[in-house]
Amino acid sequence: TLSGITVGSRRMQEDMIDALEANGIKPVIDSTFPLDKIADAFAHQASQKHFGKIVLTV
């Protein structure tokens, strides 16, 4: 299951992205998994031992 979030209108999202870029704010990335290791990524998330984002690469 993939979950999404609502970020408001497209314009609001563009404004948020502009603000993040202007202020040098970047997400904390805990780990990166190739898409074929998605089960490992979910297991890592379920372990609750991550700090930051878990990224899937395509």
PDB file of N, CA and C in Angstrom:
ATOM      1  N   THR A   1       0.833  -1.179   0.000  1.00  0.00           N
ATOM      2  CA  THR A   1       0.000   0.000   0.000  1.00  0.00           C
ATOM      3  C   THR A   1       0.876   1.240   0.000  1.00  0.00           C
ATOM      4  N   LEU A   2       0.568   2.155  -0.865  1.00  0.00           N
ATOM      5  CA  LEU A   2       1.244   3.449  -0.877  1.00  0.00           C
ATOM      6  C   LEU A   2       0.326   4.469  -0.233  1.00  0.00           C
ATOM      7  N   SER A   3       0.882   5.334   0.561  1.00  0.00           N
ATOM      8  CA  SER A   3       0.104   6.385   1.210  1.00  0.00           C
ATOM      9  C   SER A   3       0.586   7.732   0.726  1.00  0.00           C
ATOM     10  N   GLY A   4      -0.333   8.613   0.499  1.00  0.00           N
ATOM     11  CA  GLY A   4       0.019   9.959   0.082  1.00  0.00           C
ATOM     12  C   GLY A   4      -0.431  10.969   1.118  1.00  0.00           C
ATOM     13  N   ILE A   5      -0.054  12.194   0.887  1.00  0.00           N
ATOM     14  CA  ILE A   5      -0.501  13.270   1.757  1.00  0.00           C
ATOM     15  C   ILE A   5      -1.083  14.376   0.894  1.00  0.00           C
ATOM     16  N   THR A   6      -1.943  15.154   1.467  1.00  0.00           N
ATOM     17  CA  THR A   6      -2.499  16.294   0.770  1.00  0.00           C
ATOM     18  C   THR A   6      -1.681  17.518   1.138  1.00  0.00           C
ATOM     19  N   VAL A   7      -1.206  18.219   0.146  1.00  0.00           N
ATOM     20  CA  VAL A   7      -0.362  19.387   0.398  1.00  0.00           C
ATOM     21  C   VAL A   7      -1.042  20.684  -0.019  1.00  0.00           C
ATOM     22  N   GLY A   8      -2.322  20.637  -0.277  1.00  0.00           N
ATOM     23  CA  GLY A   8      -3.024  21.834  -0.721  1.00  0.00           C
ATOM     24  C   GLY A   8      -3.029  21.915  -2.233  1.00  0.00           C
ATOM     25  N   SER A   9      -3.186  23.123  -2.724  1.00  0.00           N
ATOM     26  CA  SER A   9      -3.241  23.324  -4.171  1.00  0.00           C
ATOM     27  C   SER A   9      -1.850  23.184  -4.786  1.00  0.00           C
ATOM     28  N   ARG A  10      -1.820  23.073  -6.089  1.00  0.00           N
ATOM     29  CA  ARG A  10      -0.534  22.996  -6.794  1.00  0.00           C
ATOM     30  C   ARG A  10       0.294  24.250  -6.511  1.00  0.00           C
ATOM     31  N   ARG A  11      -0.358  25.399  -6.497  1.00  0.00           N
ATOM     32  CA  ARG A  11       0.356  26.657  -6.231  1.00  0.00           C
ATOM     33  C   ARG A  11       0.963  26.647  -4.828  1.00  0.00           C
ATOM     34  N   MET A  12       0.221  26.136  -3.849  1.00  0.00           N
ATOM     35  CA  MET A  12       0.735  26.057  -2.481  1.00  0.00           C
ATOM     36  C   MET A  12       1.947  25.135  -2.420  1.00  0.00           C
ATOM     37  N   GLN A  13       1.886  24.024  -3.154  1.00  0.00           N
ATOM     38  CA  GLN A  13       3.009  23.093  -3.182  1.00  0.00           C
ATOM     39  C   GLN A  13       4.227  23.758  -3.834  1.00  0.00           C
ATOM     40  N   GLU A  14       4.006  24.475  -4.930  1.00  0.00           N
ATOM     41  CA  GLU A  14       5.112  25.175  -5.588  1.00  0.00           C
ATOM     42  C   GLU A  14       5.728  26.221  -4.659  1.00  0.00           C
ATOM     43  N   ASP A  15       4.889  26.947  -3.917  1.00  0.00           N
ATOM     44  CA  ASP A  15       5.395  27.937  -2.957  1.00  0.00           C
ATOM     45  C   ASP A  15       6.226  27.265  -1.871  1.00  0.00           C
ATOM     46  N   MET A  16       5.774  26.106  -1.393  1.00  0.00           N
ATOM     47  CA  MET A  16       6.504  25.382  -0.353  1.00  0.00           C
ATOM     48  C   MET A  16       7.862  24.915  -0.885  1.00  0.00           C
ATOM     49  N   ILE A  17       7.880  24.377  -2.090  1.00  0.00           N
ATOM     50  CA  ILE A  17       9.138  23.922  -2.687  1.00  0.00           C
ATOM     51  C   ILE A  17      10.097  25.099  -2.857  1.00  0.00           C
ATOM     52  N   ASP A  18       9.575  26.234  -3.318  1.00  0.00           N
ATOM     53  CA  ASP A  18      10.415  27.429  -3.467  1.00  0.00           C
ATOM     54  C   ASP A  18      11.003  27.853  -2.123  1.00  0.00           C
ATOM     55  N   ALA A  19      10.194  27.828  -1.066  1.00  0.00           N
ATOM     56  CA  ALA A  19      10.667  28.222   0.264  1.00  0.00           C
ATOM     57  C   ALA A  19      11.729  27.258   0.778  1.00  0.00           C
ATOM     58  N   LEU A  20      11.521  25.964   0.558  1.00  0.00           N
ATOM     59  CA  LEU A  20      12.509  24.975   0.988  1.00  0.00           C
ATOM     60  C   LEU A  20      13.840  25.202   0.275  1.00  0.00           C
ATOM     61  N   GLU A  21      13.776  25.409  -1.029  1.00  0.00           N
ATOM     62  CA  GLU A  21      14.999  25.628  -1.802  1.00  0.00           C
ATOM     63  C   GLU A  21      15.684  26.938  -1.413  1.00  0.00           C
ATOM     64  N   ALA A  22      14.912  27.996  -1.202  1.00  0.00           N
ATOM     65  CA  ALA A  22      15.480  29.303  -0.872  1.00  0.00           C
ATOM     66  C   ALA A  22      16.192  29.290   0.475  1.00  0.00           C
ATOM     67  N   ASN A  23      15.730  28.430   1.383  1.00  0.00           N
ATOM     68  CA  ASN A  23      16.299  28.389   2.729  1.00  0.00           C
ATOM     69  C   ASN A  23      17.222  27.202   2.958  1.00  0.00           C
ATOM     70  N   GLY A  24      17.496  26.445   1.904  1.00  0.00           N
ATOM     71  CA  GLY A  24      18.434  25.326   2.014  1.00  0.00           C
ATOM     72  C   GLY A  24      17.947  24.193   2.896  1.00  0.00           C
ATOM     73  N   ILE A  25      16.631  24.040   3.013  1.00  0.00           N
ATOM     74  CA  ILE A  25      16.077  22.975   3.850  1.00  0.00           C
ATOM     75  C   ILE A  25      16.026  21.688   3.033  1.00  0.00           C
ATOM     76  N   LYS A  26      16.598  20.627   3.585  1.00  0.00           N
ATOM     77  CA  LYS A  26      16.632  19.336   2.896  1.00  0.00           C
ATOM     78  C   LYS A  26      16.150  18.248   3.848  1.00  0.00           C
ATOM     79  N   PRO A  27      15.459  17.232   3.322  1.00  0.00           N
ATOM     80  CA  PRO A  27      15.009  16.146   4.192  1.00  0.00           C
ATOM     81  C   PRO A  27      16.191  15.306   4.671  1.00  0.00           C
ATOM     82  N   VAL A  28      16.042  14.736   5.841  1.00  0.00           N
ATOM     83  CA  VAL A  28      17.039  13.803   6.362  1.00  0.00           C
ATOM     84  C   VAL A  28      16.729  12.442   5.755  1.00  0.00           C
ATOM     85  N   ILE A  29      17.709  11.851   5.073  1.00  0.00           N
ATOM     86  CA  ILE A  29      17.515  10.537   4.455  1.00  0.00           C
ATOM     87  C   ILE A  29      18.233   9.499   5.298  1.00  0.00           C
ATOM     88  N   ASP A  30      17.460   8.561   5.816  1.00  0.00           N
ATOM     89  CA  ASP A  30      18.008   7.491   6.639  1.00  0.00           C
ATOM     90  C   ASP A  30      18.673   6.425   5.778  1.00  0.00           C
ATOM     91  N   SER A  31      17.963   5.982   4.741  1.00  0.00           N
ATOM     92  CA  SER A  31      18.485   4.896   3.911  1.00  0.00           C
ATOM     93  C   SER A  31      17.819   4.917   2.547  1.00  0.00           C
ATOM     94  N   THR A  32      18.475   4.257   1.594  1.00  0.00           N
ATOM     95  CA  THR A  32      17.985   4.166   0.226  1.00  0.00           C
ATOM     96  C   THR A  32      17.968   2.702  -0.188  1.00  0.00           C
ATOM     97  N   PHE A  33      16.863   2.293  -0.810  1.00  0.00           N
ATOM     98  CA  PHE A  33      16.712   0.917  -1.276  1.00  0.00           C
ATOM     99  C   PHE A  33      16.328   0.933  -2.747  1.00  0.00           C
ATOM    100  N   PRO A  34      16.874   0.006  -3.552  1.00  0.00           N
ATOM    101  CA  PRO A  34      16.382  -0.127  -4.925  1.00  0.00           C
ATOM    102  C   PRO A  34      14.956  -0.679  -4.884  1.00  0.00           C
ATOM    103  N   LEU A  35      14.177  -0.377  -5.901  1.00  0.00           N
ATOM    104  CA  LEU A  35      12.771  -0.774  -5.923  1.00  0.00           C
ATOM    105  C   LEU A  35      12.587  -2.273  -5.733  1.00  0.00           C
ATOM    106  N   ASP A  36      13.514  -3.082  -6.245  1.00  0.00           N
ATOM    107  CA  ASP A  36      13.356  -4.531  -6.101  1.00  0.00           C
ATOM    108  C   ASP A  36      13.600  -5.010  -4.667  1.00  0.00           C
ATOM    109  N   LYS A  37      14.012  -4.113  -3.784  1.00  0.00           N
ATOM    110  CA  LYS A  37      14.204  -4.437  -2.362  1.00  0.00           C
ATOM    111  C   LYS A  37      13.147  -3.749  -1.502  1.00  0.00           C
ATOM    112  N   ILE A  38      11.970  -3.529  -2.094  1.00  0.00           N
ATOM    113  CA  ILE A  38      10.912  -2.812  -1.388  1.00  0.00           C
ATOM    114  C   ILE A  38      10.502  -3.526  -0.096  1.00  0.00           C
ATOM    115  N   ALA A  39      10.541  -4.847  -0.094  1.00  0.00           N
ATOM    116  CA  ALA A  39      10.201  -5.590   1.131  1.00  0.00           C
ATOM    117  C   ALA A  39      11.189  -5.261   2.246  1.00  0.00           C
ATOM    118  N   ASP A  40      12.465  -5.119   1.900  1.00  0.00           N
ATOM    119  CA  ASP A  40      13.474  -4.737   2.894  1.00  0.00           C
ATOM    120  C   ASP A  40      13.216  -3.317   3.409  1.00  0.00           C
ATOM    121  N   ALA A  41      12.796  -2.438   2.518  1.00  0.00           N
ATOM    122  CA  ALA A  41      12.497  -1.060   2.918  1.00  0.00           C
ATOM    123  C   ALA A  41      11.325  -1.026   3.894  1.00  0.00           C
ATOM    124  N   PHE A  42      10.283  -1.799   3.607  1.00  0.00           N
ATOM    125  CA  PHE A  42       9.135  -1.859   4.514  1.00  0.00           C
ATOM    126  C   PHE A  42       9.525  -2.472   5.854  1.00  0.00           C
ATOM    127  N   ALA A  43      10.365  -3.486   5.821  1.00  0.00           N
ATOM    128  CA  ALA A  43      10.826  -4.103   7.071  1.00  0.00           C
ATOM    129  C   ALA A  43      11.628  -3.098   7.895  1.00  0.00           C
ATOM    130  N   HIS A  44      12.455  -2.312   7.229  1.00  0.00           N
ATOM    131  CA  HIS A  44      13.238  -1.288   7.926  1.00  0.00           C
ATOM    132  C   HIS A  44      12.308  -0.252   8.561  1.00  0.00           C
ATOM    133  N   GLN A  45      11.273   0.141   7.828  1.00  0.00           N
ATOM    134  CA  GLN A  45      10.312   1.096   8.374  1.00  0.00           C
ATOM    135  C   GLN A  45       9.570   0.491   9.563  1.00  0.00           C
ATOM    136  N   ALA A  46       9.151  -0.749   9.432  1.00  0.00           N
ATOM    137  CA  ALA A  46       8.409  -1.416  10.506  1.00  0.00           C
ATOM    138  C   ALA A  46       9.252  -1.590  11.763  1.00  0.00           C
ATOM    139  N   SER A  47      10.567  -1.669  11.602  1.00  0.00           N
ATOM    140  CA  SER A  47      11.450  -1.840  12.761  1.00  0.00           C
ATOM    141  C   SER A  47      11.480  -0.600  13.648  1.00  0.00           C
ATOM    142  N   GLN A  48      11.035   0.522  13.103  1.00  0.00           N
ATOM    143  CA  GLN A  48      11.017   1.812  13.808  1.00  0.00           C
ATOM    144  C   GLN A  48      12.403   2.231  14.289  1.00  0.00           C
ATOM    145  N   LYS A  49      13.435   1.779  13.591  1.00  0.00           N
ATOM    146  CA  LYS A  49      14.805   2.145  13.935  1.00  0.00           C
ATOM    147  C   LYS A  49      15.369   3.195  12.983  1.00  0.00           C
ATOM    148  N   HIS A  50      14.536   3.672  12.076  1.00  0.00           N
ATOM    149  CA  HIS A  50      15.024   4.675  11.132  1.00  0.00           C
ATOM    150  C   HIS A  50      14.869   6.078  11.718  1.00  0.00           C
ATOM    151  N   PHE A  51      15.694   6.981  11.221  1.00  0.00           N
ATOM    152  CA  PHE A  51      15.589   8.393  11.567  1.00  0.00           C
ATOM    153  C   PHE A  51      15.653   9.153  10.260  1.00  0.00           C
ATOM    154  N   GLY A  52      14.548   9.623   9.794  1.00  0.00           N
ATOM    155  CA  GLY A  52      14.501  10.320   8.517  1.00  0.00           C
ATOM    156  C   GLY A  52      13.749   9.506   7.479  1.00  0.00           C
ATOM    157  N   LYS A  53      13.901   9.917   6.257  1.00  0.00           N
ATOM    158  CA  LYS A  53      13.166   9.316   5.147  1.00  0.00           C
ATOM    159  C   LYS A  53      13.817   8.025   4.674  1.00  0.00           C
ATOM    160  N   ILE A  54      12.969   7.119   4.207  1.00  0.00           N
ATOM    161  CA  ILE A  54      13.419   5.889   3.556  1.00  0.00           C
ATOM    162  C   ILE A  54      13.079   6.067   2.078  1.00  0.00           C
ATOM    163  N   VAL A  55      14.090   6.000   1.236  1.00  0.00           N
ATOM    164  CA  VAL A  55      13.938   6.317  -0.180  1.00  0.00           C
ATOM    165  C   VAL A  55      13.990   5.049  -1.013  1.00  0.00           C
ATOM    166  N   LEU A  56      13.080   4.950  -1.991  1.00  0.00           N
ATOM    167  CA  LEU A  56      13.117   3.879  -2.987  1.00  0.00           C
ATOM    168  C   LEU A  56      13.627   4.480  -4.290  1.00  0.00           C
ATOM    169  N   THR A  57      14.629   3.844  -4.884  1.00  0.00           N
ATOM    170  CA  THR A  57      15.143   4.317  -6.171  1.00  0.00           C
ATOM    171  C   THR A  57      14.563   3.470  -7.288  1.00  0.00           C
ATOM    172  N   VAL A  58      14.261   4.116  -8.393  1.00  0.00           N
ATOM    173  CA  VAL A  58      13.656   3.439  -9.540  1.00  0.00           C
ATOM    174  C   VAL A  58      14.685   3.320 -10.635  1.00  0.00           C
TER     175      VAL A  58
END
